[in-house]
């Protein structure tokens, strides 16, 4: 995720970045965990992309005790 990219929908260059926690489950386990994600929101049209912090920051474990 780079800030110098354009919106895929409208071509705008300005974005808002938010960090959110989302409850997740793995397909092999019934246990629910909380994973962190970045939302990249276009300031013009609202088009939103979601990126996993595990991938972007190379975090091995999900956030605990959120």
Protein backbone atom coordinates (compact mmCIF):
# COMPACT_ATOMS: atom_id res chain seq x y z
CA UNK A 1 0.00 0.00 0.00
CA UNK A 2 1.54 3.25 -1.14
CA UNK A 3 0.17 6.72 -0.53
CA UNK A 4 1.30 8.04 -3.93
CA UNK A 5 -1.13 5.84 -5.88
CA UNK A 6 -4.34 6.99 -7.53
CA UNK A 7 -7.83 5.73 -6.72
CA UNK A 8 -8.72 2.75 -8.89
CA UNK A 9 -12.25 4.07 -9.42
CA UNK A 10 -11.93 7.85 -9.96
CA UNK A 11 -8.18 8.60 -10.20
CA UNK A 12 -8.03 10.88 -7.12
CA UNK A 13 -4.67 11.15 -5.30
CA UNK A 14 -5.88 11.94 -1.75
CA UNK A 15 -6.73 9.16 0.68
CA UNK A 16 -7.62 8.68 4.33
CA UNK A 17 -5.91 5.77 6.09
CA UNK A 18 -7.66 4.10 9.04
CA UNK A 19 -6.61 1.14 11.16
CA UNK A 20 -9.43 -1.19 12.27
CA UNK A 21 -9.82 -4.42 14.26
CA UNK A 22 -12.01 -7.13 12.74
CA UNK A 23 -13.08 -10.44 14.36
CA UNK A 24 -11.82 -13.33 12.21
CA UNK A 25 -11.93 -17.12 12.23
CA UNK A 26 -9.75 -19.67 10.52
CA UNK A 27 -11.42 -22.29 8.34
CA UNK A 28 -9.85 -25.14 10.33
CA UNK A 29 -10.60 -23.78 13.82
CA UNK A 30 -13.70 -22.51 15.57
CA UNK A 31 -11.72 -20.04 17.69
CA UNK A 32 -12.37 -16.35 16.98
CA UNK A 33 -9.44 -13.95 16.84
CA UNK A 34 -9.03 -10.25 16.20
CA UNK A 35 -6.92 -9.14 13.23
CA UNK A 36 -5.88 -5.61 12.35
CA UNK A 37 -6.44 -4.10 8.90
CA UNK A 38 -5.74 -0.80 7.18
CA UNK A 39 -8.51 0.89 5.20
CA UNK A 40 -7.41 3.16 2.36
CA UNK A 41 -10.39 5.43 1.62
CA UNK A 42 -10.54 7.74 -1.40
CA UNK A 43 -11.42 11.30 -0.31
CA UNK A 44 -13.33 11.96 -3.56
CA UNK A 45 -15.56 8.92 -4.17
CA UNK A 46 -15.21 6.82 -0.98
CA UNK A 47 -13.80 3.76 -2.76
CA UNK A 48 -12.16 1.65 -0.03
CA UNK A 49 -9.33 -0.88 -0.18
CA UNK A 50 -8.54 -3.18 2.78
CA UNK A 51 -5.01 -4.35 3.59
CA UNK A 52 -3.95 -6.82 6.30
CA UNK A 53 -1.41 -5.49 8.80
CA UNK A 54 0.05 -9.01 8.97
CA UNK A 55 1.10 -8.71 5.34
CA UNK A 56 2.12 -5.05 5.36
CA UNK A 57 3.98 -5.05 8.68
CA UNK A 58 4.94 -8.76 8.71
CA UNK A 59 3.15 -9.32 12.03
CA UNK A 60 3.03 -13.00 12.94
CA UNK A 61 0.36 -12.96 15.66
CA UNK A 62 -3.00 -11.15 15.68
CA UNK A 63 -3.58 -8.42 18.25
CA UNK A 64 -4.44 -9.87 21.64
CA UNK A 65 -6.66 -8.36 24.33
CA UNK A 66 -8.07 -5.68 22.05
